């Protein structure tokens, strides 16, 4: 994710997640990438549409879900969050980015929709 590397290179670690989100949105928009921010992720259960307050940070080209963090270290709950969002949105790919690392490559984590893993 070249845009996120550029943002991290410019700002470095140590800022709030919201700062990285706005800067990354600017980079993606400048590159002509269709990007939605703070997308509601509802739960459908037996015909009910339940609003749980879930929000995906970024969705690119209706295909890639990006969850941003600026934390000392990622916890299992952060990974569970993106897996939950992938299942609920049925998007094929997810990227969990923790900007609070010296080298961004250490903060990038890729995810594939869990149902796709069963078919491989």
Foldseek 3Di string as FASTA:
>chain_A
DVLLQVLCVVPPADDFQVVSLVSSVVSCVVVVWDKDAQQFQWAADPNDTHRPPDTFGMDTPLAETEHEARDPDDDPVQVVSQLVSCQRSVHFKYWYWHSRDRHRVVRIDIDGRVVVVVVD
